[in-house]
Amino acid sequence: MIDGKIISLALAITSGLVYTRVFENEFFKDIILVAIPAIIGLFAVKRVPNEWQQYRFKVALKKEIIDTFVKSVKKSFVVHDTAHIQLVQHYSVSEQPIDPTTGGVTHNVVFPTEPNEQPMMALKDEYNEFKNELKAIKLNGETLVSKMRLYFDSELVAEEFSKLNIQAGKCSQYIRQGFESKNKESFLMNLNAFSNEVKLWRDLSDKFENTLAKHKIKKISV
């Protein structure tokens, strides 16, 4: 809202302009020439801080969104990779069970036939930790979605995030099925599938992170 004093001063100057046109009062013209820059300055003082406040708010908000992205999507990579390594190392007879060229699990894995020695029982604590950490990540993911809906007006952001989510779901499923495996074939199939799918997941994540960083936040009332 414009200050009443500014409006009054503006009206006074307008009246003065009419007066000088009629009576050609040189003295009042001098006053107006001094007062006009002051009026412009008063309006600018109100506008510039608001623009600066908008800029600062948007920068802080963008940082907050990126931080939430890290706590959700990026953290999810760590959780999945940790679970994958725990599964592989527990049943590996080699110190290097992961093929460095493909990322897949090699045949150097011995899978037990006894149910108590299979992942769901032998790695019960690790499996529960994996599920609990995913729940925490999901909360951060929901926060990220809320912020994007509020501050981004873009179909591109929504589309890329949807693809990222679908791929994350695939990777989670392979890890879960790895823990639930009851034979070597199923165990290796799920862990190798994870190794392949996680590459696409990371690519989609990198692409989405760049989109977040470049995309402009819509105009906000502050």
Protein backbone atom coordinates (compact mmCIF):
# COMPACT_ATOMS: atom_id res chain seq x y z
CA MET A 1 0.00 0.00 0.00
CA ILE A 2 1.36 3.46 -0.97
CA ASP A 3 2.04 5.78 1.95
CA GLY A 4 -0.52 8.62 2.37
CA LYS A 5 2.22 11.23 2.59
CA ILE A 6 3.54 10.22 -0.81
CA ILE A 7 0.08 10.51 -2.35
CA SER A 8 -0.42 13.94 -0.79
CA LEU A 9 2.92 15.16 -2.05
CA ALA A 10 2.19 13.82 -5.52
CA LEU A 11 -1.16 15.62 -5.59
CA ALA A 12 0.48 18.83 -4.43
CA ILE A 13 2.99 18.66 -7.26
CA THR A 14 0.26 17.91 -9.79
CA SER A 15 -1.67 20.96 -8.56
CA GLY A 16 1.50 22.99 -8.78
CA LEU A 17 2.03 21.96 -12.38
CA VAL A 18 -1.46 23.16 -13.25
CA TYR A 19 -0.84 26.41 -11.36
CA THR A 20 2.47 27.09 -13.13
CA ARG A 21 0.96 26.43 -16.52
CA VAL A 22 -1.68 29.03 -15.88
CA PHE A 23 0.37 31.66 -14.03
CA GLU A 24 3.91 30.65 -15.14
CA ASN A 25 5.21 30.83 -11.57
CA GLU A 26 8.97 30.30 -11.92
CA PHE A 27 9.49 29.89 -8.17
CA PHE A 28 7.08 27.00 -7.92
CA LYS A 29 8.66 25.41 -10.98
CA ASP A 30 11.97 25.32 -9.10
CA ILE A 31 10.31 23.62 -6.15
CA ILE A 32 8.78 20.99 -8.44
CA LEU A 33 12.12 20.25 -10.11
CA VAL A 34 13.55 19.51 -6.66
CA ALA A 35 10.52 17.56 -5.45
CA ILE A 36 10.07 15.21 -8.45
CA PRO A 37 13.34 13.29 -7.86
CA ALA A 38 12.34 12.97 -4.22
CA ILE A 39 8.98 11.47 -5.20
CA ILE A 40 10.64 9.02 -7.59
CA GLY A 41 13.10 8.11 -4.85
CA LEU A 42 10.30 7.40 -2.37
CA PHE A 43 8.62 5.01 -4.80
CA ALA A 44 11.95 3.36 -5.63
CA VAL A 45 12.74 2.87 -1.95
CA LYS A 46 9.53 0.89 -1.63
CA ARG A 47 10.14 -1.15 -4.79
CA VAL A 48 13.84 -2.04 -4.46
CA PRO A 49 13.66 -3.59 -0.98
CA ASN A 50 10.69 -5.70 -2.09
CA GLU A 51 12.60 -6.96 -5.14
CA TRP A 52 15.64 -7.68 -2.99
CA GLN A 53 13.45 -9.48 -0.48
CA GLN A 54 11.94 -11.56 -3.30
CA TYR A 55 15.42 -12.44 -4.56
CA ARG A 56 16.71 -13.45 -1.13
CA PHE A 57 13.60 -15.50 -0.41
CA LYS A 58 13.84 -17.34 -3.73
CA VAL A 59 17.54 -18.12 -3.23
CA ALA A 60 16.86 -19.47 0.26
CA LEU A 61 13.90 -21.46 -1.02
CA LYS A 62 15.89 -22.97 -3.90
CA LYS A 63 18.59 -24.04 -1.45
CA GLU A 64 15.95 -25.57 0.81
CA ILE A 65 14.46 -27.54 -2.10
CA ILE A 66 17.89 -28.83 -3.18
CA ASP A 67 18.67 -29.83 0.44
CA THR A 68 15.40 -31.76 0.62
CA PHE A 69 16.28 -33.43 -2.68
CA VAL A 70 19.59 -34.56 -1.17
CA LYS A 71 17.86 -35.87 1.98
CA SER A 72 15.37 -37.85 -0.08
CA VAL A 73 16.66 -38.99 -3.48
CA LYS A 74 20.40 -38.81 -2.84
CA LYS A 75 20.09 -40.43 0.58
CA SER A 76 18.03 -43.19 -1.01
CA PHE A 77 21.02 -44.19 -3.15
CA VAL A 78 23.15 -44.66 -0.04
CA VAL A 79 20.47 -46.78 1.66
CA HIS A 80 19.98 -49.02 -1.38
CA ASP A 81 23.70 -49.39 -2.07
CA THR A 82 24.33 -50.31 1.58
CA ALA A 83 21.64 -53.01 1.51
CA HIS A 84 22.98 -54.33 -1.79
CA ILE A 85 26.51 -54.60 -0.41
CA GLN A 86 25.28 -56.30 2.77
CA LEU A 87 23.47 -58.95 0.74
CA VAL A 88 26.41 -59.59 -1.59
CA GLN A 89 29.11 -59.68 1.06
CA HIS A 90 27.17 -61.98 3.38
CA TYR A 91 26.95 -64.74 0.75
CA SER A 92 30.14 -64.09 -1.18
CA VAL A 93 33.15 -66.35 -1.19
CA SER A 94 35.25 -63.68 -2.85
CA GLU A 95 36.56 -60.35 -1.61
CA GLN A 96 35.48 -58.80 -4.92
CA PRO A 97 32.02 -60.22 -5.64
CA ILE A 98 30.94 -57.36 -7.89
CA ASP A 99 32.05 -57.40 -11.51
CA PRO A 100 33.85 -54.05 -12.09
CA THR A 101 32.89 -53.99 -15.78
CA THR A 102 29.16 -54.64 -15.42
CA GLY A 103 28.45 -53.86 -11.77
CA GLY A 104 26.71 -57.22 -11.46
CA VAL A 105 27.25 -59.97 -8.91
CA THR A 106 29.50 -62.79 -10.13
CA HIS A 107 29.00 -66.51 -9.59
CA ASN A 108 31.21 -66.38 -6.47
CA VAL A 109 28.19 -66.48 -4.21
CA VAL A 110 27.09 -69.42 -2.07
CA PHE A 111 23.40 -69.30 -1.24
CA PRO A 112 22.21 -71.50 1.66
CA THR A 113 19.35 -73.97 1.48
CA GLU A 114 18.54 -73.71 5.19
CA PRO A 115 15.77 -71.09 5.78
CA ASN A 116 17.47 -69.77 8.92
CA GLU A 117 20.57 -68.94 6.90
CA GLN A 118 18.72 -67.22 4.07
CA PRO A 119 18.57 -63.39 3.92
CA MET A 120 15.16 -62.87 5.49
CA MET A 121 16.36 -64.54 8.69
CA ALA A 122 20.14 -64.16 8.60
CA LEU A 123 19.94 -60.48 7.67
CA LYS A 124 16.70 -59.65 9.47
CA ASP A 125 18.17 -56.62 11.27
CA GLU A 126 19.65 -55.25 8.06
CA TYR A 127 16.34 -55.69 6.27
CA ASN A 128 14.44 -53.87 9.02
CA GLU A 129 16.98 -51.06 8.96
CA PHE A 130 16.57 -50.79 5.20
CA LYS A 131 12.77 -50.50 5.53
CA ASN A 132 12.96 -47.97 8.38
CA GLU A 133 15.38 -45.73 6.53
CA LEU A 134 13.14 -45.81 3.47
CA LYS A 135 10.24 -44.59 5.62
CA ALA A 136 12.29 -41.57 6.74
CA ILE A 137 13.32 -40.90 3.15
CA LYS A 138 9.69 -41.10 2.05
CA LEU A 139 8.77 -38.30 4.46
CA ASN A 140 11.48 -36.09 2.98
CA GLY A 141 10.27 -37.04 -0.49
CA GLU A 142 6.74 -35.93 0.36
CA THR A 143 8.12 -32.63 1.63
CA LEU A 144 9.98 -32.20 -1.64
CA VAL A 145 6.81 -32.86 -3.65
CA SER A 146 4.87 -30.28 -1.61
CA LYS A 147 7.51 -27.61 -2.15
CA MET A 148 7.70 -28.29 -5.87
CA ARG A 149 3.92 -28.03 -6.22
CA LEU A 150 3.89 -24.73 -4.34
CA TYR A 151 6.83 -23.01 -5.96
CA PHE A 152 7.34 -24.59 -9.40
CA ASP A 153 4.82 -24.19 -12.18
CA SER A 154 6.30 -26.66 -14.62
CA GLU A 155 5.18 -29.87 -16.31
CA LEU A 156 8.84 -30.71 -16.96
CA VAL A 157 9.66 -30.85 -13.23
CA ALA A 158 6.63 -33.06 -12.54
CA GLU A 159 7.38 -35.36 -15.49
CA GLU A 160 11.03 -35.87 -14.62
CA PHE A 161 10.26 -36.47 -10.95
CA SER A 162 7.63 -39.06 -11.88
CA LYS A 163 10.16 -40.98 -14.00
CA LEU A 164 12.69 -40.76 -11.17
CA ASN A 165 10.17 -42.13 -8.69
CA ILE A 166 9.19 -45.05 -10.93
CA GLN A 167 12.83 -46.03 -11.38
CA ALA A 168 13.47 -45.75 -7.63
CA GLY A 169 10.53 -48.07 -7.03
CA LYS A 170 12.03 -50.67 -9.36
CA CYS A 171 15.35 -50.58 -7.52
CA SER A 172 13.65 -50.87 -4.14
CA GLN A 173 11.70 -53.87 -5.34
CA TYR A 174 14.84 -55.67 -6.47
CA ILE A 175 16.50 -55.12 -3.09
CA ARG A 176 13.39 -56.33 -1.24
CA GLN A 177 13.20 -59.42 -3.44
CA GLY A 178 16.90 -59.99 -2.82
CA PHE A 179 16.18 -60.20 0.92
CA GLU A 180 13.19 -62.44 0.24
CA SER A 181 15.10 -64.83 -2.06
CA LYS A 182 14.97 -68.52 -1.24
CA ASN A 183 17.36 -69.80 -3.88
CA LYS A 184 20.56 -68.75 -5.58
CA GLU A 185 18.95 -68.07 -8.97
CA SER A 186 16.43 -65.62 -7.55
CA PHE A 187 19.08 -64.02 -5.35
CA LEU A 188 21.50 -63.38 -8.23
CA MET A 189 18.75 -62.30 -10.62
CA ASN A 190 17.45 -59.60 -8.27
CA LEU A 191 20.86 -58.27 -7.26
CA ASN A 192 22.08 -58.15 -10.84
CA ALA A 193 18.85 -56.44 -11.90
CA PHE A 194 19.43 -53.84 -9.19
CA SER A 195 22.99 -53.25 -10.43
CA ASN A 196 21.67 -52.55 -13.91
CA GLU A 197 18.63 -50.47 -12.98
CA VAL A 198 20.45 -48.30 -10.45
CA LYS A 199 22.56 -46.85 -13.28
CA LEU A 200 19.45 -45.48 -15.00
CA TRP A 201 18.17 -44.27 -11.64
CA ARG A 202 21.36 -42.27 -11.08
CA ASP A 203 21.17 -40.79 -14.58
CA LEU A 204 17.58 -39.68 -14.00
CA SER A 205 18.59 -38.25 -10.62
CA ASP A 206 21.42 -36.19 -12.12
CA LYS A 207 19.11 -34.90 -14.85
CA PHE A 208 16.42 -33.96 -12.34
CA GLU A 209 18.93 -32.23 -10.07
CA ASN A 210 20.03 -30.05 -13.00
CA THR A 211 16.41 -29.24 -13.77
CA LEU A 212 15.81 -28.16 -10.16
CA ALA A 213 18.90 -25.97 -10.17
CA LYS A 214 17.99 -24.23 -13.44
CA HIS A 215 14.25 -23.91 -13.04
CA LYS A 216 12.88 -20.57 -11.88
CA ILE A 217 10.62 -20.27 -8.86
CA LYS A 218 7.33 -18.59 -9.64
CA LYS A 219 6.52 -15.11 -8.30
CA ILE A 220 5.90 -15.15 -4.57
CA SER A 221 4.13 -12.69 -2.28
CA VAL A 222 6.40 -11.92 0.68
